[in-house]
Structure formats: C-alpha cells, structure tokens
Amino acid sequence: MSGVRSVMKGTIDFDYRPEVDIVVARPRWVLDSSIEVMRWHQLHANYFKARFNAPKDMVVVNDAFDVTPKVGALWGAYRAKLHQTIVRVSIGVSNSARVRQNTQTSGVRHSIGSLEAASVEEAVAAIVGIRERVSAVVSAVPSSSAPATQRGLPAPGGPTPSRRRP
C-alpha cells in the first residue's frame, strides 16, 4: 500500500418518496476531476441498483453542486450512462448557470432529457404529468394481442386492398 489515501470531496443525499415513486437526490459536490466524476456516477449506480429492480424517475436538487469546465464533457457522458441504465426522467432544481449549461449540452450530445423546474414540488408534478401523458398514449395504441380488425388490419382470409371484390 502506498500510504496515499484518496478522499472523496463530495456526497449525494438520496431520498426515495414511495408515494410518488420518485428519488430526490441532492449532490453536495464540486466535480473537478475525472475521478470525482466516476465516483459521482458510482454513488448513483450503487444507490439505485441496491434498492430498485427497474429505472426510477429522479429530481436532482443542485443548490450545492457544480461541474467545472475541465470535466463537463466527461460528466455529461456519465450522466447519459445513468439515463441509459437506471434513470427514466430526471428534472433539475436550483441549477447554477454552469450546471444548466452542462446539463443542456449533455442532453443534446447524448439525446437525453435536460428538464428543469423551480422547486421539488414542481418537478414531482412535472414527472407525474409526463407519466400520465405517456400512459394515455400507450393506452391509445392497440395491443398486438387485440384482434387484427381492432388494430386496423384486415381479418385473416378477408379481402385486402389488392384482393377486394367489386
């Protein structure tokens, strides 16, 4: 052992709210090195994988969080990994201009959301609204197990546009 100890500079407080099935996270951190970005990602991964079997929606309160320019692109890539594996919808609250810029940039680069709300309550309401809209769209799409005629397909053996009788 070299005798050099690596000390994590920050932490993340997680609060799962089962009544709305949303995780509220509050990172208390200034990410300024690639090692810190990887630790930030690992804390999220450890929390979510230890508690949940499926991706969750998350509100992130960023009033004590910052990403320095030298690691902004790397943070965005790791943020995208979270969205690909353990986070469905994420909404930021209390973003500084720099966090907002990094969030929006990573959203564009990696095709992930970069939503923001004025408060935790607004963010929760927005997530609930998104879920309701998605549910309405999904329920409007005919199921593949529905009869073919209900899905807009001709009945088996029935006339098709190329075989219609006059």
C-alpha atoms as a PDB file:
ATOM      1  CA  MET A   1       0.000   0.000   0.000  1.00  0.00           C
ATOM      2  CA  SER A   2       1.357   3.392  -0.955  1.00  0.00           C
ATOM      3  CA  GLY A   3       0.106   5.279   2.067  1.00  0.00           C
ATOM      4  CA  VAL A   4      -1.766   7.758  -0.145  1.00  0.00           C
ATOM      5  CA  ARG A   5      -5.442   7.939   0.717  1.00  0.00           C
ATOM      6  CA  SER A   6      -7.982   9.167  -1.757  1.00  0.00           C
ATOM      7  CA  VAL A   7     -10.649  11.215  -0.057  1.00  0.00           C
ATOM      8  CA  MET A   8     -13.974  11.793  -1.751  1.00  0.00           C
ATOM      9  CA  LYS A   9     -14.701  15.503  -1.919  1.00  0.00           C
ATOM     10  CA  GLY A  10     -18.460  15.258  -2.040  1.00  0.00           C
ATOM     11  CA  THR A  11     -21.541  13.264  -1.286  1.00  0.00           C
ATOM     12  CA  ILE A  12     -25.090  12.752  -2.515  1.00  0.00           C
ATOM     13  CA  ASP A  13     -28.124  12.625  -0.257  1.00  0.00           C
ATOM     14  CA  PHE A  14     -30.827  10.353  -1.687  1.00  0.00           C
ATOM     15  CA  ASP A  15     -34.461  10.390  -0.530  1.00  0.00           C
ATOM     16  CA  TYR A  16     -36.869   7.862  -2.056  1.00  0.00           C
ATOM     17  CA  ARG A  17     -40.501   9.011  -1.965  1.00  0.00           C
ATOM     18  CA  PRO A  18     -42.607   5.875  -2.398  1.00  0.00           C
ATOM     19  CA  GLU A  19     -45.926   7.762  -2.542  1.00  0.00           C
ATOM     20  CA  VAL A  20     -44.843   9.145  -5.940  1.00  0.00           C
ATOM     21  CA  ASP A  21     -42.152   6.545  -6.768  1.00  0.00           C
ATOM     22  CA  ILE A  22     -39.504   9.236  -7.262  1.00  0.00           C
ATOM     23  CA  VAL A  23     -35.973   9.620  -5.928  1.00  0.00           C
ATOM     24  CA  VAL A  24     -34.917  13.105  -4.816  1.00  0.00           C
ATOM     25  CA  ALA A  25     -31.142  13.483  -4.928  1.00  0.00           C
ATOM     26  CA  ARG A  26     -29.073  16.358  -3.581  1.00  0.00           C
ATOM     27  CA  PRO A  27     -25.418  16.227  -4.627  1.00  0.00           C
ATOM     28  CA  ARG A  28     -23.099  18.271  -2.430  1.00  0.00           C
ATOM     29  CA  TRP A  29     -20.088  18.341  -4.644  1.00  0.00           C
ATOM     30  CA  VAL A  30     -17.880  20.299  -6.993  1.00  0.00           C
ATOM     31  CA  LEU A  31     -16.779  17.859  -9.676  1.00  0.00           C
ATOM     32  CA  ASP A  32     -13.335  18.919 -10.796  1.00  0.00           C
ATOM     33  CA  SER A  33     -11.547  15.708 -11.803  1.00  0.00           C
ATOM     34  CA  SER A  34     -12.323  12.580 -13.770  1.00  0.00           C
ATOM     35  CA  ILE A  35     -12.024  10.512 -10.586  1.00  0.00           C
ATOM     36  CA  GLU A  36     -14.683  12.653  -8.903  1.00  0.00           C
ATOM     37  CA  VAL A  37     -16.994  12.273 -11.924  1.00  0.00           C
ATOM     38  CA  MET A  38     -16.609   8.484 -11.785  1.00  0.00           C
ATOM     39  CA  ARG A  39     -17.319   8.497  -8.031  1.00  0.00           C
ATOM     40  CA  TRP A  40     -20.393  10.666  -8.601  1.00  0.00           C
ATOM     41  CA  HIS A  41     -21.630   8.115 -11.135  1.00  0.00           C
ATOM     42  CA  GLN A  42     -20.806   5.169  -8.874  1.00  0.00           C
ATOM     43  CA  LEU A  43     -22.748   6.637  -5.936  1.00  0.00           C
ATOM     44  CA  HIS A  44     -25.837   6.870  -8.139  1.00  0.00           C
ATOM     45  CA  ALA A  45     -25.335   3.361  -9.507  1.00  0.00           C
ATOM     46  CA  ASN A  46     -24.793   1.864  -6.048  1.00  0.00           C
ATOM     47  CA  TYR A  47     -27.885   3.550  -4.602  1.00  0.00           C
ATOM     48  CA  PHE A  48     -30.245   2.635  -7.445  1.00  0.00           C
ATOM     49  CA  LYS A  49     -29.021  -0.918  -8.015  1.00  0.00           C
ATOM     50  CA  ALA A  50     -29.161  -1.775  -4.313  1.00  0.00           C
ATOM     51  CA  ARG A  51     -32.770  -0.628  -3.943  1.00  0.00           C
ATOM     52  CA  PHE A  52     -34.633  -0.930  -7.221  1.00  0.00           C
ATOM     53  CA  ASN A  53     -35.103  -3.532  -9.942  1.00  0.00           C
ATOM     54  CA  ALA A  54     -36.084  -1.030 -12.616  1.00  0.00           C
ATOM     55  CA  PRO A  55     -35.161   2.521 -13.626  1.00  0.00           C
ATOM     56  CA  LYS A  56     -36.679   5.299 -11.500  1.00  0.00           C
ATOM     57  CA  ASP A  57     -37.598   8.916 -12.036  1.00  0.00           C
ATOM     58  CA  MET A  58     -35.445  11.442 -10.199  1.00  0.00           C
ATOM     59  CA  VAL A  59     -35.478  15.057  -9.064  1.00  0.00           C
ATOM     60  CA  VAL A  60     -31.978  16.480  -8.568  1.00  0.00           C
ATOM     61  CA  VAL A  61     -31.557  19.492  -6.288  1.00  0.00           C
ATOM     62  CA  ASN A  62     -28.357  21.168  -7.453  1.00  0.00           C
ATOM     63  CA  ASP A  63     -28.066  24.027  -4.970  1.00  0.00           C
ATOM     64  CA  ALA A  64     -24.744  22.660  -3.658  1.00  0.00           C
ATOM     65  CA  PHE A  65     -23.460  21.092  -6.888  1.00  0.00           C
ATOM     66  CA  ASP A  66     -21.150  22.275  -9.629  1.00  0.00           C
ATOM     67  CA  VAL A  67     -19.269  20.828 -12.595  1.00  0.00           C
ATOM     68  CA  THR A  68     -16.043  22.539 -13.603  1.00  0.00           C
ATOM     69  CA  PRO A  69     -15.388  23.163 -17.302  1.00  0.00           C
ATOM     70  CA  LYS A  70     -12.493  20.708 -17.479  1.00  0.00           C
ATOM     71  CA  VAL A  71     -14.799  17.743 -16.677  1.00  0.00           C
ATOM     72  CA  GLY A  72     -18.072  18.983 -18.181  1.00  0.00           C
ATOM     73  CA  ALA A  73     -17.995  16.705 -21.234  1.00  0.00           C
ATOM     74  CA  LEU A  74     -16.996  13.674 -19.165  1.00  0.00           C
ATOM     75  CA  TRP A  75     -19.746  14.376 -16.621  1.00  0.00           C
ATOM     76  CA  GLY A  76     -22.246  14.610 -19.465  1.00  0.00           C
ATOM     77  CA  ALA A  77     -21.177  11.194 -20.759  1.00  0.00           C
ATOM     78  CA  TYR A  78     -21.560   9.641 -17.296  1.00  0.00           C
ATOM     79  CA  ARG A  79     -24.904  11.410 -16.850  1.00  0.00           C
ATOM     80  CA  ALA A  80     -26.014   9.767 -20.099  1.00  0.00           C
ATOM     81  CA  LYS A  81     -24.953   6.356 -18.743  1.00  0.00           C
ATOM     82  CA  LEU A  82     -27.281   6.882 -15.775  1.00  0.00           C
ATOM     83  CA  HIS A  83     -30.150   7.649 -18.140  1.00  0.00           C
ATOM     84  CA  GLN A  84     -29.387   4.568 -20.219  1.00  0.00           C
ATOM     85  CA  THR A  85     -29.444   2.236 -17.227  1.00  0.00           C
ATOM     86  CA  ILE A  86     -31.099   3.464 -14.021  1.00  0.00           C
ATOM     87  CA  VAL A  87     -32.916   6.797 -14.529  1.00  0.00           C
ATOM     88  CA  ARG A  88     -36.011   7.336 -16.678  1.00  0.00           C
ATOM     89  CA  VAL A  89     -36.911  11.003 -16.213  1.00  0.00           C
ATOM     90  CA  SER A  90     -34.681  13.459 -14.368  1.00  0.00           C
ATOM     91  CA  ILE A  91     -35.548  17.061 -13.566  1.00  0.00           C
ATOM     92  CA  GLY A  92     -33.042  19.516 -12.116  1.00  0.00           C
ATOM     93  CA  VAL A  93     -33.875  22.118  -9.486  1.00  0.00           C
ATOM     94  CA  SER A  94     -31.735  25.102  -8.406  1.00  0.00           C
ATOM     95  CA  ASN A  95     -29.240  24.724 -11.239  1.00  0.00           C
ATOM     96  CA  SER A  96     -26.464  27.272 -11.475  1.00  0.00           C
ATOM     97  CA  ALA A  97     -25.769  28.669 -14.939  1.00  0.00           C
ATOM     98  CA  ARG A  98     -22.807  26.304 -15.337  1.00  0.00           C
ATOM     99  CA  VAL A  99     -24.735  23.198 -14.250  1.00  0.00           C
ATOM    100  CA  ARG A 100     -27.609  24.221 -16.542  1.00  0.00           C
ATOM    101  CA  GLN A 101     -25.219  24.632 -19.482  1.00  0.00           C
ATOM    102  CA  ASN A 102     -23.550  21.258 -18.840  1.00  0.00           C
ATOM    103  CA  THR A 103     -26.940  19.563 -18.445  1.00  0.00           C
ATOM    104  CA  GLN A 104     -28.280  21.027 -21.677  1.00  0.00           C
ATOM    105  CA  THR A 105     -25.075  20.245 -23.562  1.00  0.00           C
ATOM    106  CA  SER A 106     -25.081  16.617 -22.425  1.00  0.00           C
ATOM    107  CA  GLY A 107     -28.782  16.434 -23.288  1.00  0.00           C
ATOM    108  CA  VAL A 108     -28.053  17.424 -26.880  1.00  0.00           C
ATOM    109  CA  ARG A 109     -24.894  15.340 -27.236  1.00  0.00           C
ATOM    110  CA  HIS A 110     -26.393  12.164 -25.790  1.00  0.00           C
ATOM    111  CA  SER A 111     -30.108  12.566 -26.630  1.00  0.00           C
ATOM    112  CA  ILE A 112     -31.245  12.649 -23.003  1.00  0.00           C
ATOM    113  CA  GLY A 113     -33.547  14.996 -21.137  1.00  0.00           C
ATOM    114  CA  SER A 114     -32.439  18.290 -19.650  1.00  0.00           C
ATOM    115  CA  LEU A 115     -35.611  19.360 -17.884  1.00  0.00           C
ATOM    116  CA  GLU A 116     -35.605  21.927 -15.102  1.00  0.00           C
ATOM    117  CA  ALA A 117     -38.158  23.096 -12.531  1.00  0.00           C
ATOM    118  CA  ALA A 118     -38.286  25.903  -9.967  1.00  0.00           C
ATOM    119  CA  SER A 119     -38.918  23.598  -6.991  1.00  0.00           C
ATOM    120  CA  VAL A 120     -39.000  19.956  -5.950  1.00  0.00           C
ATOM    121  CA  GLU A 121     -42.810  20.126  -5.863  1.00  0.00           C
ATOM    122  CA  GLU A 122     -42.946  21.446  -9.447  1.00  0.00           C
ATOM    123  CA  ALA A 123     -40.504  18.759 -10.579  1.00  0.00           C
ATOM    124  CA  VAL A 124     -42.576  15.997  -8.963  1.00  0.00           C
ATOM    125  CA  ALA A 125     -45.747  17.387 -10.569  1.00  0.00           C
ATOM    126  CA  ALA A 126     -43.991  17.521 -13.949  1.00  0.00           C
ATOM    127  CA  ILE A 127     -42.871  13.891 -13.669  1.00  0.00           C
ATOM    128  CA  VAL A 128     -46.389  12.795 -12.697  1.00  0.00           C
ATOM    129  CA  GLY A 129     -47.702  14.735 -15.719  1.00  0.00           C
ATOM    130  CA  ILE A 130     -45.190  13.076 -18.030  1.00  0.00           C
ATOM    131  CA  ARG A 131     -46.232   9.662 -16.730  1.00  0.00           C
ATOM    132  CA  GLU A 132     -49.916  10.468 -17.324  1.00  0.00           C
ATOM    133  CA  ARG A 133     -49.256  11.613 -20.902  1.00  0.00           C
ATOM    134  CA  VAL A 134     -47.176   8.525 -21.646  1.00  0.00           C
ATOM    135  CA  SER A 135     -49.854   6.295 -20.123  1.00  0.00           C
ATOM    136  CA  ALA A 136     -52.551   7.947 -22.270  1.00  0.00           C
ATOM    137  CA  VAL A 137     -50.504   7.445 -25.436  1.00  0.00           C
ATOM    138  CA  VAL A 138     -49.680   3.838 -24.581  1.00  0.00           C
ATOM    139  CA  SER A 139     -53.315   3.007 -23.793  1.00  0.00           C
ATOM    140  CA  ALA A 140     -54.406   4.561 -27.114  1.00  0.00           C
ATOM    141  CA  VAL A 141     -52.119   2.267 -29.110  1.00  0.00           C
ATOM    142  CA  PRO A 142     -53.859  -1.013 -29.946  1.00  0.00           C
ATOM    143  CA  SER A 143     -52.294  -4.024 -28.334  1.00  0.00           C
ATOM    144  CA  SER A 144     -50.647  -6.608 -30.570  1.00  0.00           C
ATOM    145  CA  SER A 145     -52.811  -9.195 -28.775  1.00  0.00           C
ATOM    146  CA  ALA A 146     -56.019  -7.438 -29.893  1.00  0.00           C
ATOM    147  CA  PRO A 147     -57.869  -8.925 -32.845  1.00  0.00           C
ATOM    148  CA  ALA A 148     -56.422  -7.849 -36.175  1.00  0.00           C
ATOM    149  CA  THR A 149     -59.521  -5.869 -37.107  1.00  0.00           C
ATOM    150  CA  GLN A 150     -59.167  -3.759 -33.943  1.00  0.00           C
ATOM    151  CA  ARG A 151     -55.587  -2.970 -34.932  1.00  0.00           C
ATOM    152  CA  GLY A 152     -56.695  -1.711 -38.360  1.00  0.00           C
ATOM    153  CA  LEU A 153     -55.652  -4.900 -40.155  1.00  0.00           C
ATOM    154  CA  PRO A 154     -57.908  -6.979 -42.345  1.00  0.00           C
ATOM    155  CA  ALA A 155     -59.402 -10.121 -40.872  1.00  0.00           C
ATOM    156  CA  PRO A 156     -57.483 -13.283 -41.754  1.00  0.00           C
ATOM    157  CA  GLY A 157     -58.666 -14.557 -45.133  1.00  0.00           C
ATOM    158  CA  GLY A 158     -60.691 -11.400 -45.694  1.00  0.00           C
ATOM    159  CA  PRO A 159     -60.277  -9.013 -48.565  1.00  0.00           C
ATOM    160  CA  THR A 160     -57.102  -6.991 -48.683  1.00  0.00           C
ATOM    161  CA  PRO A 161     -56.678  -3.821 -50.739  1.00  0.00           C
ATOM    162  CA  SER A 162     -55.139  -5.881 -53.557  1.00  0.00           C
ATOM    163  CA  ARG A 163     -57.841  -8.578 -53.463  1.00  0.00           C
ATOM    164  CA  ARG A 164     -61.038  -6.536 -52.991  1.00  0.00           C
ATOM    165  CA  ARG A 165     -64.060  -7.680 -54.880  1.00  0.00           C
ATOM    166  CA  PRO A 166     -66.040  -5.124 -56.883  1.00  0.00           C
END
